[in-house]
Amino acid sequence: MFLELSEEERRTLEGILEAALRDLRAEVYHADTAEFKEQLKADEGVLRSLLAKLRQAGSASAAGGQG
């Protein structure tokens, strides 16, 4: 899959994902059941992966590549 974003869109999405990650960490801390906590931790992993890819694309863009 390929998704083309402007630099402004990339920065906005990065901020949204960072906020979601912060909120998710608090939710993990307050989770009542181990099963729910594990699902939230899996979601956290997905958010971290997305952020890493987004940041990598931003670095490539800043260096003159496509992203």
N, C-alpha and C. Protein backbone atom coordinates (compact mmCIF):
# COMPACT_ATOMS: atom_id res chain seq x y z
N MET A 1 0.84 -1.17 0.00
CA MET A 1 0.00 0.00 0.00
C MET A 1 0.89 1.24 0.00
N PHE A 2 0.46 2.25 -0.71
CA PHE A 2 1.19 3.50 -0.77
C PHE A 2 0.24 4.63 -0.43
N LEU A 3 0.66 5.52 0.45
CA LEU A 3 -0.14 6.67 0.85
C LEU A 3 0.72 7.91 0.73
N GLU A 4 0.29 8.84 -0.08
CA GLU A 4 1.06 10.06 -0.28
C GLU A 4 0.46 11.17 0.59
N LEU A 5 1.30 11.78 1.42
CA LEU A 5 0.87 12.86 2.31
C LEU A 5 1.74 14.08 2.09
N SER A 6 1.13 15.25 2.22
CA SER A 6 1.93 16.46 2.22
C SER A 6 2.67 16.53 3.56
N GLU A 7 3.65 17.39 3.66
CA GLU A 7 4.40 17.52 4.91
C GLU A 7 3.47 17.97 6.04
N GLU A 8 2.54 18.85 5.75
CA GLU A 8 1.59 19.30 6.77
C GLU A 8 0.70 18.15 7.23
N GLU A 9 0.23 17.35 6.30
CA GLU A 9 -0.60 16.19 6.65
C GLU A 9 0.20 15.20 7.49
N ARG A 10 1.48 14.97 7.11
CA ARG A 10 2.32 14.04 7.85
C ARG A 10 2.54 14.51 9.28
N ARG A 11 2.84 15.81 9.45
CA ARG A 11 3.04 16.35 10.80
C ARG A 11 1.77 16.27 11.63
N THR A 12 0.62 16.57 11.01
CA THR A 12 -0.66 16.50 11.72
C THR A 12 -0.96 15.07 12.15
N LEU A 13 -0.77 14.13 11.25
CA LEU A 13 -1.02 12.72 11.57
C LEU A 13 -0.07 12.24 12.67
N GLU A 14 1.19 12.67 12.61
CA GLU A 14 2.15 12.30 13.63
C GLU A 14 1.70 12.81 15.00
N GLY A 15 1.22 14.04 15.06
CA GLY A 15 0.73 14.60 16.32
C GLY A 15 -0.48 13.84 16.85
N ILE A 16 -1.38 13.47 15.97
CA ILE A 16 -2.57 12.71 16.37
C ILE A 16 -2.17 11.35 16.92
N LEU A 17 -1.25 10.68 16.24
CA LEU A 17 -0.80 9.37 16.70
C LEU A 17 -0.06 9.46 18.04
N GLU A 18 0.74 10.51 18.22
CA GLU A 18 1.43 10.70 19.50
C GLU A 18 0.43 10.90 20.63
N ALA A 19 -0.60 11.71 20.38
CA ALA A 19 -1.63 11.94 21.40
C ALA A 19 -2.39 10.65 21.71
N ALA A 20 -2.70 9.89 20.67
CA ALA A 20 -3.40 8.62 20.87
C ALA A 20 -2.54 7.66 21.69
N LEU A 21 -1.24 7.66 21.43
CA LEU A 21 -0.32 6.79 22.17
C LEU A 21 -0.27 7.18 23.64
N ARG A 22 -0.21 8.48 23.93
CA ARG A 22 -0.22 8.94 25.33
C ARG A 22 -1.51 8.51 26.03
N ASP A 23 -2.64 8.71 25.35
CA ASP A 23 -3.93 8.33 25.92
C ASP A 23 -4.00 6.82 26.16
N LEU A 24 -3.48 6.07 25.21
CA LEU A 24 -3.51 4.61 25.31
C LEU A 24 -2.67 4.12 26.48
N ARG A 25 -1.53 4.75 26.72
CA ARG A 25 -0.70 4.36 27.86
C ARG A 25 -1.46 4.52 29.17
N ALA A 26 -2.19 5.62 29.30
CA ALA A 26 -2.99 5.85 30.50
C ALA A 26 -4.10 4.80 30.61
N GLU A 27 -4.69 4.45 29.48
CA GLU A 27 -5.74 3.45 29.48
C GLU A 27 -5.20 2.08 29.88
N VAL A 28 -3.99 1.74 29.42
CA VAL A 28 -3.36 0.47 29.80
C VAL A 28 -3.17 0.44 31.31
N TYR A 29 -2.68 1.54 31.85
CA TYR A 29 -2.43 1.62 33.29
C TYR A 29 -3.71 1.39 34.10
N HIS A 30 -4.83 1.87 33.59
CA HIS A 30 -6.10 1.77 34.33
C HIS A 30 -6.97 0.58 33.92
N ALA A 31 -6.47 -0.27 33.03
CA ALA A 31 -7.26 -1.41 32.56
C ALA A 31 -7.58 -2.35 33.72
N ASP A 32 -8.81 -2.86 33.72
CA ASP A 32 -9.26 -3.71 34.81
C ASP A 32 -8.87 -5.18 34.64
N THR A 33 -8.85 -5.65 33.42
CA THR A 33 -8.57 -7.07 33.21
C THR A 33 -7.27 -7.26 32.43
N ALA A 34 -6.63 -8.37 32.67
CA ALA A 34 -5.37 -8.68 31.98
C ALA A 34 -5.60 -8.81 30.47
N GLU A 35 -6.72 -9.40 30.09
CA GLU A 35 -7.03 -9.59 28.68
C GLU A 35 -7.16 -8.24 27.97
N PHE A 36 -7.88 -7.31 28.59
CA PHE A 36 -8.06 -5.98 28.01
C PHE A 36 -6.72 -5.25 27.96
N LYS A 37 -5.93 -5.39 28.99
CA LYS A 37 -4.62 -4.75 29.05
C LYS A 37 -3.72 -5.27 27.92
N GLU A 38 -3.76 -6.56 27.66
CA GLU A 38 -2.96 -7.14 26.58
C GLU A 38 -3.41 -6.62 25.22
N GLN A 39 -4.71 -6.47 25.02
CA GLN A 39 -5.21 -5.92 23.76
C GLN A 39 -4.74 -4.48 23.58
N LEU A 40 -4.80 -3.72 24.65
CA LEU A 40 -4.35 -2.33 24.59
C LEU A 40 -2.85 -2.26 24.28
N LYS A 41 -2.07 -3.16 24.86
CA LYS A 41 -0.63 -3.19 24.59
C LYS A 41 -0.36 -3.55 23.13
N ALA A 42 -1.18 -4.43 22.57
CA ALA A 42 -1.05 -4.77 21.15
C ALA A 42 -1.35 -3.54 20.29
N ASP A 43 -2.39 -2.81 20.67
CA ASP A 43 -2.73 -1.57 19.97
C ASP A 43 -1.59 -0.55 20.08
N GLU A 44 -0.97 -0.50 21.24
CA GLU A 44 0.16 0.39 21.45
C GLU A 44 1.31 0.05 20.49
N GLY A 45 1.54 -1.24 20.30
CA GLY A 45 2.57 -1.66 19.36
C GLY A 45 2.28 -1.21 17.94
N VAL A 46 1.02 -1.28 17.55
CA VAL A 46 0.63 -0.84 16.21
C VAL A 46 0.85 0.66 16.07
N LEU A 47 0.47 1.43 17.09
CA LEU A 47 0.68 2.88 17.05
C LEU A 47 2.16 3.22 16.95
N ARG A 48 2.98 2.52 17.73
CA ARG A 48 4.43 2.76 17.68
C ARG A 48 5.00 2.45 16.30
N SER A 49 4.53 1.39 15.69
CA SER A 49 4.98 1.01 14.36
C SER A 49 4.58 2.06 13.33
N LEU A 50 3.34 2.52 13.41
CA LEU A 50 2.88 3.57 12.50
C LEU A 50 3.70 4.84 12.65
N LEU A 51 3.96 5.23 13.88
CA LEU A 51 4.76 6.43 14.13
C LEU A 51 6.17 6.28 13.56
N ALA A 52 6.75 5.12 13.74
CA ALA A 52 8.10 4.88 13.23
C ALA A 52 8.13 5.01 11.71
N LYS A 53 7.14 4.43 11.04
CA LYS A 53 7.07 4.51 9.59
C LYS A 53 6.86 5.95 9.13
N LEU A 54 6.01 6.66 9.82
CA LEU A 54 5.72 8.04 9.48
C LEU A 54 6.96 8.91 9.66
N ARG A 55 7.68 8.69 10.74
CA ARG A 55 8.90 9.46 11.00
C ARG A 55 9.98 9.11 9.98
N GLN A 56 10.07 7.86 9.62
CA GLN A 56 11.05 7.45 8.62
C GLN A 56 10.74 8.12 7.28
N ALA A 57 9.46 8.15 6.92
CA ALA A 57 9.06 8.80 5.68
C ALA A 57 9.35 10.29 5.74
N GLY A 58 9.16 10.90 6.90
CA GLY A 58 9.45 12.32 7.07
C GLY A 58 10.93 12.60 6.94
N SER A 59 11.75 11.72 7.47
CA SER A 59 13.21 11.87 7.36
C SER A 59 13.65 11.73 5.91
N ALA A 60 13.06 10.79 5.21
CA ALA A 60 13.41 10.60 3.79
C ALA A 60 12.99 11.82 2.99
N SER A 61 11.83 12.40 3.30
CA SER A 61 11.37 13.60 2.62
C SER A 61 12.31 14.77 2.87
N ALA A 62 12.71 14.91 4.11
CA ALA A 62 13.59 16.02 4.48
C ALA A 62 14.95 15.88 3.81
N ALA A 63 15.35 14.64 3.55
CA ALA A 63 16.64 14.39 2.92
C ALA A 63 16.55 14.43 1.38
N GLY A 64 15.34 14.73 0.87
CA GLY A 64 15.18 14.85 -0.57
C GLY A 64 14.59 13.63 -1.25
N GLY A 65 14.23 12.62 -0.45
CA GLY A 65 13.61 11.42 -1.03
C GLY A 65 12.11 11.60 -1.11
N GLN A 66 11.42 10.53 -1.48
CA GLN A 66 9.96 10.57 -1.50
C GLN A 66 9.44 10.09 -0.18
N GLY A 67 8.29 10.59 0.26
CA GLY A 67 7.75 10.13 1.51
C GLY A 67 6.51 10.72 1.76
